[in-house]
Structure formats: structure tokens, C-alpha cells
C-alpha atoms as a PDB file:
ATOM      1  CA  MET A   1       7.538 -17.626   2.484  1.00  0.00           C
ATOM      2  CA  ASP A   2       7.195 -20.175   5.273  1.00  0.00           C
ATOM      3  CA  GLY A   3       5.219 -18.858   8.217  1.00  0.00           C
ATOM      4  CA  PHE A   4       4.079 -15.644   6.524  1.00  0.00           C
ATOM      5  CA  THR A   5       0.418 -14.760   6.930  1.00  0.00           C
ATOM      6  CA  LEU A   6      -1.263 -11.447   6.227  1.00  0.00           C
ATOM      7  CA  ASP A   7      -2.745  -9.639   9.218  1.00  0.00           C
ATOM      8  CA  PRO A   8      -6.557 -10.135   9.256  1.00  0.00           C
ATOM      9  CA  THR A   9      -7.231  -6.373   9.265  1.00  0.00           C
ATOM     10  CA  LEU A  10      -5.109  -5.880   6.152  1.00  0.00           C
ATOM     11  CA  ALA A  11      -6.798  -8.877   4.531  1.00  0.00           C
ATOM     12  CA  ARG A  12     -10.230  -7.399   5.291  1.00  0.00           C
ATOM     13  CA  ASP A  13      -9.513  -3.803   4.197  1.00  0.00           C
ATOM     14  CA  THR A  14      -7.423  -4.373   1.056  1.00  0.00           C
ATOM     15  CA  VAL A  15      -7.332  -6.250  -2.229  1.00  0.00           C
ATOM     16  CA  PHE A  16      -4.251  -7.955  -3.620  1.00  0.00           C
ATOM     17  CA  VAL A  17      -2.663  -6.119  -6.563  1.00  0.00           C
ATOM     18  CA  CYS A  18       0.540  -8.017  -7.303  1.00  0.00           C
ATOM     19  CA  ALA A  19       3.729  -9.411  -5.840  1.00  0.00           C
ATOM     20  CA  MET A  20       6.967  -7.480  -6.062  1.00  0.00           C
ATOM     21  CA  PRO A  21      10.245  -9.306  -5.305  1.00  0.00           C
ATOM     22  CA  ARG A  22      10.065  -8.687  -1.528  1.00  0.00           C
ATOM     23  CA  CYS A  23       6.535  -7.352  -0.864  1.00  0.00           C
ATOM     24  CA  ASP A  24       2.930  -8.034  -1.685  1.00  0.00           C
ATOM     25  CA  VAL A  25       1.244  -4.904  -3.004  1.00  0.00           C
ATOM     26  CA  LEU A  26      -2.272  -4.323  -1.721  1.00  0.00           C
ATOM     27  CA  LEU A  27      -4.829  -1.669  -2.656  1.00  0.00           C
ATOM     28  CA  MET A  28      -6.614  -0.127   0.308  1.00  0.00           C
ATOM     29  CA  ASP A  29     -10.312  -0.503  -0.417  1.00  0.00           C
ATOM     30  CA  ASP A  30     -11.038   3.188   0.188  1.00  0.00           C
ATOM     31  CA  SER A  31     -12.106   5.134  -2.870  1.00  0.00           C
ATOM     32  CA  ARG A  32     -11.374   8.486  -1.188  1.00  0.00           C
ATOM     33  CA  PHE A  33      -7.621   8.026  -1.562  1.00  0.00           C
ATOM     34  CA  PRO A  34      -5.472   6.068  -4.047  1.00  0.00           C
ATOM     35  CA  TRP A  35      -3.616   4.064  -1.408  1.00  0.00           C
ATOM     36  CA  LEU A  36      -1.245   1.132  -1.651  1.00  0.00           C
ATOM     37  CA  ILE A  37       0.102  -0.982   1.170  1.00  0.00           C
ATOM     38  CA  LEU A  38       3.300  -2.984   0.782  1.00  0.00           C
ATOM     39  CA  VAL A  39       3.789  -5.953   3.093  1.00  0.00           C
ATOM     40  CA  PRO A  40       7.106  -7.826   3.176  1.00  0.00           C
ATOM     41  CA  ARG A  41       6.480 -11.564   2.824  1.00  0.00           C
ATOM     42  CA  LEU A  42       8.410 -12.417   5.982  1.00  0.00           C
ATOM     43  CA  PRO A  43       6.965 -13.772   9.221  1.00  0.00           C
ATOM     44  CA  GLY A  44       7.158 -11.930  12.536  1.00  0.00           C
ATOM     45  CA  ILE A  45       8.198  -8.491  11.252  1.00  0.00           C
ATOM     46  CA  VAL A  46       6.785  -5.712  13.438  1.00  0.00           C
ATOM     47  CA  GLU A  47       9.311  -2.879  13.120  1.00  0.00           C
ATOM     48  CA  PRO A  48      11.426  -1.850  10.137  1.00  0.00           C
ATOM     49  CA  PHE A  49      14.545  -2.693  12.133  1.00  0.00           C
ATOM     50  CA  ASP A  50      13.283  -6.295  12.450  1.00  0.00           C
ATOM     51  CA  LEU A  51      14.229  -6.648   8.772  1.00  0.00           C
ATOM     52  CA  GLU A  52      17.739  -7.521   7.699  1.00  0.00           C
ATOM     53  CA  PRO A  53      19.392  -4.454   6.132  1.00  0.00           C
ATOM     54  CA  ALA A  54      19.155  -5.893   2.605  1.00  0.00           C
ATOM     55  CA  ASP A  55      15.444  -6.669   3.085  1.00  0.00           C
ATOM     56  CA  LEU A  56      14.781  -3.178   4.474  1.00  0.00           C
ATOM     57  CA  ALA A  57      16.566  -1.634   1.483  1.00  0.00           C
ATOM     58  CA  ALA A  58      14.481  -3.805  -0.870  1.00  0.00           C
ATOM     59  CA  VAL A  59      11.234  -2.774   0.842  1.00  0.00           C
ATOM     60  CA  MET A  60      12.169   0.907   0.574  1.00  0.00           C
ATOM     61  CA  ARG A  61      13.076   0.487  -3.131  1.00  0.00           C
ATOM     62  CA  GLU A  62       9.751  -1.187  -3.771  1.00  0.00           C
ATOM     63  CA  GLY A  63       7.986   1.604  -1.855  1.00  0.00           C
ATOM     64  CA  ALA A  64       9.690   4.178  -4.086  1.00  0.00           C
ATOM     65  CA  ILE A  65       8.644   2.259  -7.207  1.00  0.00           C
ATOM     66  CA  ALA A  66       5.064   2.034  -5.931  1.00  0.00           C
ATOM     67  CA  GLY A  67       5.101   5.762  -5.121  1.00  0.00           C
ATOM     68  CA  ARG A  68       6.366   6.753  -8.573  1.00  0.00           C
ATOM     69  CA  THR A  69       3.794   4.485 -10.175  1.00  0.00           C
ATOM     70  CA  LEU A  70       0.910   5.855  -8.106  1.00  0.00           C
ATOM     71  CA  LYS A  71       1.977   9.449  -8.795  1.00  0.00           C
ATOM     72  CA  SER A  72       2.173   8.765 -12.523  1.00  0.00           C
ATOM     73  CA  LEU A  73      -1.229   7.061 -12.629  1.00  0.00           C
ATOM     74  CA  THR A  74      -3.095   9.591 -10.475  1.00  0.00           C
ATOM     75  CA  GLY A  75      -1.380  12.902 -11.241  1.00  0.00           C
ATOM     76  CA  CYS A  76      -1.457  13.609  -7.507  1.00  0.00           C
ATOM     77  CA  THR A  77       0.310  16.524  -5.855  1.00  0.00           C
ATOM     78  CA  LYS A  78       2.193  14.498  -3.235  1.00  0.00           C
ATOM     79  CA  ILE A  79       2.937  10.911  -2.275  1.00  0.00           C
ATOM     80  CA  ASN A  80       2.868  10.133   1.439  1.00  0.00           C
ATOM     81  CA  ILE A  81       4.898   7.103   2.512  1.00  0.00           C
ATOM     82  CA  GLY A  82       4.772   5.921   6.078  1.00  0.00           C
ATOM     83  CA  ALA A  83       4.748   3.014   8.476  1.00  0.00           C
ATOM     84  CA  LEU A  84       2.736   3.447  11.662  1.00  0.00           C
ATOM     85  CA  GLY A  85       1.673   0.055  12.964  1.00  0.00           C
ATOM     86  CA  ASN A  86      -0.268   1.219  16.002  1.00  0.00           C
ATOM     87  CA  ILE A  87      -3.360  -0.783  15.037  1.00  0.00           C
ATOM     88  CA  VAL A  88      -1.908  -3.398  12.665  1.00  0.00           C
ATOM     89  CA  ARG A  89       1.349  -4.581  14.234  1.00  0.00           C
ATOM     90  CA  GLN A  90       2.579  -6.462  11.156  1.00  0.00           C
ATOM     91  CA  PHE A  91       5.109  -4.216   9.414  1.00  0.00           C
ATOM     92  CA  HIS A  92       3.599  -2.624   6.319  1.00  0.00           C
ATOM     93  CA  LEU A  93       4.368   0.462   4.286  1.00  0.00           C
ATOM     94  CA  HIS A  94       1.605   2.880   3.282  1.00  0.00           C
ATOM     95  CA  VAL A  95       1.965   4.659  -0.075  1.00  0.00           C
ATOM     96  CA  VAL A  96      -0.812   7.233  -0.458  1.00  0.00           C
ATOM     97  CA  ALA A  97      -1.489   9.607  -3.358  1.00  0.00           C
ATOM     98  CA  ARG A  98      -2.552  13.003  -2.010  1.00  0.00           C
ATOM     99  CA  SER A  99      -4.031  16.068  -3.703  1.00  0.00           C
ATOM    100  CA  GLU A 100      -5.419  19.367  -2.476  1.00  0.00           C
ATOM    101  CA  SER A 101      -8.876  18.141  -3.525  1.00  0.00           C
ATOM    102  CA  ASP A 102      -8.870  15.033  -1.317  1.00  0.00           C
ATOM    103  CA  PRO A 103     -11.156  15.199   1.724  1.00  0.00           C
ATOM    104  CA  ALA A 104      -8.368  14.954   4.337  1.00  0.00           C
ATOM    105  CA  TRP A 105      -5.931  17.444   2.750  1.00  0.00           C
ATOM    106  CA  PRO A 106      -3.579  18.602   4.202  1.00  0.00           C
ATOM    107  CA  GLY A 107      -4.003  16.370   7.243  1.00  0.00           C
ATOM    108  CA  PRO A 108      -3.282  12.656   7.502  1.00  0.00           C
ATOM    109  CA  VAL A 109      -5.568  10.040   5.940  1.00  0.00           C
ATOM    110  CA  TRP A 110      -5.303   7.738   8.952  1.00  0.00           C
ATOM    111  CA  GLY A 111      -8.423   7.951  11.080  1.00  0.00           C
ATOM    112  CA  PHE A 112     -10.098  10.486   8.789  1.00  0.00           C
ATOM    113  CA  GLY A 113     -13.814   9.779   8.441  1.00  0.00           C
ATOM    114  CA  GLN A 114     -15.212   6.461   7.332  1.00  0.00           C
ATOM    115  CA  ARG A 115     -13.595   4.266   4.715  1.00  0.00           C
ATOM    116  CA  THR A 116     -15.583   4.327   1.464  1.00  0.00           C
ATOM    117  CA  PRO A 117     -15.082   1.041  -0.386  1.00  0.00           C
ATOM    118  CA  TYR A 118     -14.665   1.184  -4.151  1.00  0.00           C
ATOM    119  CA  VAL A 119     -17.486   0.134  -6.422  1.00  0.00           C
ATOM    120  CA  SER A 120     -16.190  -3.286  -7.497  1.00  0.00           C
ATOM    121  CA  ARG A 121     -15.676  -2.458 -11.188  1.00  0.00           C
ATOM    122  CA  PHE A 122     -13.664   0.684 -10.300  1.00  0.00           C
ATOM    123  CA  ARG A 123     -11.654  -1.190  -7.671  1.00  0.00           C
ATOM    124  CA  ASP A 124     -10.877  -3.971 -10.123  1.00  0.00           C
ATOM    125  CA  GLY A 125      -9.939  -1.470 -12.822  1.00  0.00           C
ATOM    126  CA  MET A 126      -7.644   0.419 -10.447  1.00  0.00           C
ATOM    127  CA  ARG A 127      -6.065  -2.823  -9.265  1.00  0.00           C
ATOM    128  CA  LEU A 128      -5.402  -3.950 -12.836  1.00  0.00           C
ATOM    129  CA  LYS A 129      -4.014  -0.548 -13.887  1.00  0.00           C
ATOM    130  CA  ILE A 130      -1.590  -0.509 -10.949  1.00  0.00           C
ATOM    131  CA  ALA A 131      -0.540  -4.141 -11.480  1.00  0.00           C
ATOM    132  CA  GLN A 132       0.175  -3.482 -15.158  1.00  0.00           C
ATOM    133  CA  ALA A 133       2.117  -0.293 -14.371  1.00  0.00           C
ATOM    134  CA  LEU A 134       4.208  -2.229 -11.848  1.00  0.00           C
ATOM    135  CA  GLY A 135       4.967  -4.821 -14.526  1.00  0.00           C
ATOM    136  CA  ALA A 136       3.024  -7.687 -12.995  1.00  0.00           C
ATOM    137  CA  PRO A 137       2.425 -10.592 -15.369  1.00  0.00           C
ATOM    138  CA  ASP A 138      -1.144 -11.062 -16.600  1.00  0.00           C
END
């Protein structure tokens, strides 16, 4: 979309997985938690209410699809979906697979410890598995 650019923090901390109709799907490069971030490809969106109602509905549908996919792939106990935006102002939706065995359970993942990047082959494998499950073309 014209004028859309990904926030530099998201670009630094994530890897691109695939494009859904409204959002880019990114994998948070933190091996402690299976964690997707969906970013609508629209410029200047800070709050969910900055989106047109149809775009907001599309983002939420895509978040639900990403959540179901992540739950199916990980066998997690719970999917957390949220949009905070206190550090990264660009509107983005977090979709995080949570289990009793994860290091932050039952608290939030945000601000918990230090991010542990994936070993590249595991990150790439996870990215490919998620992209395929979401139906992204090869």
C-alpha cells in the first residue's frame, strides 16, 4: 500500500512470515514464546479505531485465523491476543501461544526477561510451517 512502512522496532525484532489479505504476518524472533504479530498494511494507523470498520473486522478475522493456526501447530494451552502500542505506536496485533511450561506463565510476555532469538534453522522452519499452515503460496 502507498505510504505503508513497517516500524523499525518491528522490522528489527521480527521476521516476515507471509501476507494475509489485510495484514503482514511476522514472527517475533523470540524462541521462548511462539509469537506472531499482524500489521495492517495501511499508513498512519496507531489505534484500532483509526481503521475503517471493514478493515478492523478484517484484521480481527486474520488475528483469529492466526490464533487458530498457532494453537494447532503448538498445542498450547491458551492464545493471547492483544494490541498495546506503548512502545511501538504503529498498530499491530500480538498473537501469542501460551502454555503452563513457558517462562512467563501465567503473567504477560511483554517485558519478561530478555528476548532469546531463534537459532536460524529453527526460526526458518517455524516461519515456513506457519506460512504453509496459513496457506501462503510457496
